């Protein structure tokens, strides 16, 4: 009985795993910075909560694109 071949997801080099971890950390850092400079607001069009960039930004992207 032979062992099954590792799939592409299972057979990753340590360098690739390190690069993936570094990319994940960078994405998290960007997300935290974005949330720090934005405010959670409710859209005036649909009432759904979204991340607002300031007092001028009161409608979510979906409602803005409909106008």
C-alpha atoms as a PDB file:
ATOM      1  CA  UNK A   1       0.000   0.000   0.000  1.00  0.00           C
ATOM      2  CA  UNK A   2       1.576   3.308  -1.043  1.00  0.00           C
ATOM      3  CA  UNK A   3       1.062   6.672   0.605  1.00  0.00           C
ATOM      4  CA  UNK A   4      -1.060   9.122  -1.345  1.00  0.00           C
ATOM      5  CA  UNK A   5       0.647  11.958  -3.165  1.00  0.00           C
ATOM      6  CA  UNK A   6       0.374  15.265  -1.279  1.00  0.00           C
ATOM      7  CA  UNK A   7      -1.963  17.756  -2.879  1.00  0.00           C
ATOM      8  CA  UNK A   8      -0.755  21.155  -3.980  1.00  0.00           C
ATOM      9  CA  UNK A   9      -2.129  22.762  -0.792  1.00  0.00           C
ATOM     10  CA  UNK A  10      -0.353  20.262   1.461  1.00  0.00           C
ATOM     11  CA  UNK A  11       3.063  20.414  -0.231  1.00  0.00           C
ATOM     12  CA  UNK A  12       4.257  23.972   0.380  1.00  0.00           C
ATOM     13  CA  UNK A  13       7.809  24.995   0.964  1.00  0.00           C
ATOM     14  CA  UNK A  14       8.797  26.857   4.133  1.00  0.00           C
ATOM     15  CA  UNK A  15       9.672  29.890   1.997  1.00  0.00           C
ATOM     16  CA  UNK A  16       6.193  29.950   0.479  1.00  0.00           C
ATOM     17  CA  UNK A  17       4.583  29.597   3.904  1.00  0.00           C
ATOM     18  CA  UNK A  18       6.721  32.454   5.257  1.00  0.00           C
ATOM     19  CA  UNK A  19       5.727  34.647   2.292  1.00  0.00           C
ATOM     20  CA  UNK A  20       2.043  33.836   2.835  1.00  0.00           C
ATOM     21  CA  UNK A  21       2.334  34.741   6.520  1.00  0.00           C
ATOM     22  CA  UNK A  22       4.074  38.016   5.667  1.00  0.00           C
ATOM     23  CA  UNK A  23       1.337  38.882   3.143  1.00  0.00           C
ATOM     24  CA  UNK A  24      -1.387  38.075   5.674  1.00  0.00           C
ATOM     25  CA  UNK A  25       0.298  40.309   8.253  1.00  0.00           C
ATOM     26  CA  UNK A  26       0.547  43.146   5.724  1.00  0.00           C
ATOM     27  CA  UNK A  27      -3.151  42.803   4.785  1.00  0.00           C
ATOM     28  CA  UNK A  28      -4.100  42.892   8.472  1.00  0.00           C
ATOM     29  CA  UNK A  29      -1.986  46.012   9.000  1.00  0.00           C
ATOM     30  CA  UNK A  30      -3.741  47.761   6.073  1.00  0.00           C
ATOM     31  CA  UNK A  31      -7.160  46.734   7.435  1.00  0.00           C
ATOM     32  CA  UNK A  32      -6.360  48.082  10.914  1.00  0.00           C
ATOM     33  CA  UNK A  33      -5.104  51.385   9.461  1.00  0.00           C
ATOM     34  CA  UNK A  34      -8.265  51.718   7.313  1.00  0.00           C
ATOM     35  CA  UNK A  35     -10.528  51.080  10.290  1.00  0.00           C
ATOM     36  CA  UNK A  36      -8.589  53.630  12.366  1.00  0.00           C
ATOM     37  CA  UNK A  37      -9.182  56.414   9.838  1.00  0.00           C
ATOM     38  CA  UNK A  38     -12.836  55.569   9.100  1.00  0.00           C
ATOM     39  CA  UNK A  39     -16.024  55.533  11.147  1.00  0.00           C
ATOM     40  CA  UNK A  40     -18.876  53.047  11.161  1.00  0.00           C
ATOM     41  CA  UNK A  41     -22.043  54.805   9.951  1.00  0.00           C
ATOM     42  CA  UNK A  42     -25.468  53.789   8.740  1.00  0.00           C
ATOM     43  CA  UNK A  43     -26.240  54.514   5.096  1.00  0.00           C
ATOM     44  CA  UNK A  44     -28.891  57.193   4.538  1.00  0.00           C
ATOM     45  CA  UNK A  45     -30.262  55.232   1.577  1.00  0.00           C
ATOM     46  CA  UNK A  46     -30.611  51.678   2.888  1.00  0.00           C
ATOM     47  CA  UNK A  47     -29.642  51.886   6.572  1.00  0.00           C
ATOM     48  CA  UNK A  48     -26.882  49.271   6.276  1.00  0.00           C
ATOM     49  CA  UNK A  49     -23.715  49.905   8.295  1.00  0.00           C
ATOM     50  CA  UNK A  50     -20.580  50.770   6.266  1.00  0.00           C
ATOM     51  CA  UNK A  51     -17.152  52.365   6.813  1.00  0.00           C
ATOM     52  CA  UNK A  52     -17.412  56.141   6.244  1.00  0.00           C
ATOM     53  CA  UNK A  53     -14.391  58.248   5.308  1.00  0.00           C
ATOM     54  CA  UNK A  54     -15.890  61.457   6.716  1.00  0.00           C
ATOM     55  CA  UNK A  55     -18.964  63.655   7.091  1.00  0.00           C
ATOM     56  CA  UNK A  56     -19.256  63.913   3.290  1.00  0.00           C
ATOM     57  CA  UNK A  57     -19.549  60.132   2.977  1.00  0.00           C
ATOM     58  CA  UNK A  58     -23.056  59.182   4.189  1.00  0.00           C
ATOM     59  CA  UNK A  59     -24.147  56.567   1.629  1.00  0.00           C
ATOM     60  CA  UNK A  60     -22.732  53.093   1.047  1.00  0.00           C
ATOM     61  CA  UNK A  61     -21.149  52.216  -2.298  1.00  0.00           C
ATOM     62  CA  UNK A  62     -24.200  50.299  -3.490  1.00  0.00           C
ATOM     63  CA  UNK A  63     -26.578  53.236  -2.881  1.00  0.00           C
ATOM     64  CA  UNK A  64     -24.098  55.725  -4.397  1.00  0.00           C
ATOM     65  CA  UNK A  65     -23.862  53.706  -7.604  1.00  0.00           C
ATOM     66  CA  UNK A  66     -27.657  53.691  -7.989  1.00  0.00           C
ATOM     67  CA  UNK A  67     -27.860  57.515  -8.109  1.00  0.00           C
END
